[in-house]
């Protein structure tokens, strides 16, 4: 799983928070909420990808078995 990096994240959302008129404490709350949401989505995607890999392994045919007719 990738570590969160604000610079590589959707900077448009961060820019909109910076441009909005609000107090510094409200801005910090908004930025923390955005970071938390991104972390939750990253975690969700990590789980989904893990389940996909697990299902692919379960249904994959073993390489060593061959049918002899």
C-alpha atoms as a PDB file:
ATOM      1  CA  UNK A   1       0.000   0.000   0.000  1.00  0.00           C
ATOM      2  CA  UNK A   2       1.266   3.456  -0.875  1.00  0.00           C
ATOM      3  CA  UNK A   3       1.935   5.917   1.889  1.00  0.00           C
ATOM      4  CA  UNK A   4      -0.122   9.081   1.827  1.00  0.00           C
ATOM      5  CA  UNK A   5       1.583  11.996   0.142  1.00  0.00           C
ATOM      6  CA  UNK A   6      -0.367  15.264   0.086  1.00  0.00           C
ATOM      7  CA  UNK A   7       1.643  16.605  -2.852  1.00  0.00           C
ATOM      8  CA  UNK A   8       0.759  13.639  -5.074  1.00  0.00           C
ATOM      9  CA  UNK A   9      -2.861  13.547  -3.893  1.00  0.00           C
ATOM     10  CA  UNK A  10      -5.639  15.467  -5.555  1.00  0.00           C
ATOM     11  CA  UNK A  11      -4.142  18.922  -5.097  1.00  0.00           C
ATOM     12  CA  UNK A  12      -7.295  20.573  -6.419  1.00  0.00           C
ATOM     13  CA  UNK A  13      -9.121  19.677  -3.210  1.00  0.00           C
ATOM     14  CA  UNK A  14      -6.263  20.965  -1.090  1.00  0.00           C
ATOM     15  CA  UNK A  15      -6.151  24.185  -3.137  1.00  0.00           C
ATOM     16  CA  UNK A  16      -9.889  24.677  -2.691  1.00  0.00           C
ATOM     17  CA  UNK A  17      -9.514  24.301   1.075  1.00  0.00           C
ATOM     18  CA  UNK A  18      -6.680  26.841   1.041  1.00  0.00           C
ATOM     19  CA  UNK A  19      -8.744  29.355  -1.005  1.00  0.00           C
ATOM     20  CA  UNK A  20     -11.896  29.038   1.109  1.00  0.00           C
ATOM     21  CA  UNK A  21     -12.325  31.726   3.725  1.00  0.00           C
ATOM     22  CA  UNK A  22     -12.216  30.054   7.113  1.00  0.00           C
ATOM     23  CA  UNK A  23     -10.217  30.246  10.306  1.00  0.00           C
ATOM     24  CA  UNK A  24      -6.894  28.448  10.638  1.00  0.00           C
ATOM     25  CA  UNK A  25      -8.421  25.917  13.031  1.00  0.00           C
ATOM     26  CA  UNK A  26     -11.311  25.199  10.639  1.00  0.00           C
ATOM     27  CA  UNK A  27      -8.820  24.807   7.786  1.00  0.00           C
ATOM     28  CA  UNK A  28      -6.809  22.334   9.854  1.00  0.00           C
ATOM     29  CA  UNK A  29      -9.976  20.348  10.633  1.00  0.00           C
ATOM     30  CA  UNK A  30     -10.875  20.272   6.922  1.00  0.00           C
ATOM     31  CA  UNK A  31      -7.366  19.146   5.920  1.00  0.00           C
ATOM     32  CA  UNK A  32      -7.359  16.439   8.586  1.00  0.00           C
ATOM     33  CA  UNK A  33     -10.774  15.216   7.419  1.00  0.00           C
ATOM     34  CA  UNK A  34      -9.513  15.043   3.831  1.00  0.00           C
ATOM     35  CA  UNK A  35      -6.396  13.131   4.898  1.00  0.00           C
ATOM     36  CA  UNK A  36      -8.496  10.731   6.970  1.00  0.00           C
ATOM     37  CA  UNK A  37     -10.870  10.137   4.062  1.00  0.00           C
ATOM     38  CA  UNK A  38      -7.954   9.405   1.742  1.00  0.00           C
ATOM     39  CA  UNK A  39      -6.464   7.002   4.281  1.00  0.00           C
ATOM     40  CA  UNK A  40      -9.797   5.164   4.559  1.00  0.00           C
ATOM     41  CA  UNK A  41     -10.084   4.878   0.785  1.00  0.00           C
ATOM     42  CA  UNK A  42      -6.469   3.667   0.531  1.00  0.00           C
ATOM     43  CA  UNK A  43      -7.200   1.020   3.167  1.00  0.00           C
ATOM     44  CA  UNK A  44     -10.402  -0.042   1.437  1.00  0.00           C
ATOM     45  CA  UNK A  45      -8.617  -0.370  -1.918  1.00  0.00           C
ATOM     46  CA  UNK A  46      -5.810  -2.349  -0.266  1.00  0.00           C
ATOM     47  CA  UNK A  47      -8.375  -4.821   1.121  1.00  0.00           C
ATOM     48  CA  UNK A  48     -10.239  -5.071  -2.194  1.00  0.00           C
ATOM     49  CA  UNK A  49      -6.997  -5.753  -4.092  1.00  0.00           C
ATOM     50  CA  UNK A  50      -5.993  -8.346  -1.494  1.00  0.00           C
ATOM     51  CA  UNK A  51      -9.311 -10.156  -1.863  1.00  0.00           C
ATOM     52  CA  UNK A  52      -8.935 -10.097  -5.660  1.00  0.00           C
ATOM     53  CA  UNK A  53      -5.458 -11.652  -5.369  1.00  0.00           C
ATOM     54  CA  UNK A  54      -6.753 -14.284  -2.945  1.00  0.00           C
ATOM     55  CA  UNK A  55      -9.641 -15.231  -5.234  1.00  0.00           C
ATOM     56  CA  UNK A  56      -7.293 -15.402  -8.218  1.00  0.00           C
ATOM     57  CA  UNK A  57      -5.012 -17.782  -6.290  1.00  0.00           C
ATOM     58  CA  UNK A  58      -7.901 -19.988  -5.210  1.00  0.00           C
ATOM     59  CA  UNK A  59      -9.145 -20.465  -8.764  1.00  0.00           C
ATOM     60  CA  UNK A  60      -5.750 -20.676 -10.455  1.00  0.00           C
ATOM     61  CA  UNK A  61      -4.733 -24.098 -11.728  1.00  0.00           C
ATOM     62  CA  UNK A  62      -1.610 -25.585 -10.147  1.00  0.00           C
ATOM     63  CA  UNK A  63       1.287 -25.430 -12.640  1.00  0.00           C
ATOM     64  CA  UNK A  64       2.615 -28.922 -11.868  1.00  0.00           C
ATOM     65  CA  UNK A  65      -0.536 -30.893 -12.674  1.00  0.00           C
ATOM     66  CA  UNK A  66      -1.067 -32.101 -16.213  1.00  0.00           C
ATOM     67  CA  UNK A  67      -3.810 -34.276 -17.599  1.00  0.00           C
ATOM     68  CA  UNK A  68      -2.639 -37.462 -19.249  1.00  0.00           C
ATOM     69  CA  UNK A  69      -5.090 -38.963 -21.715  1.00  0.00           C
END
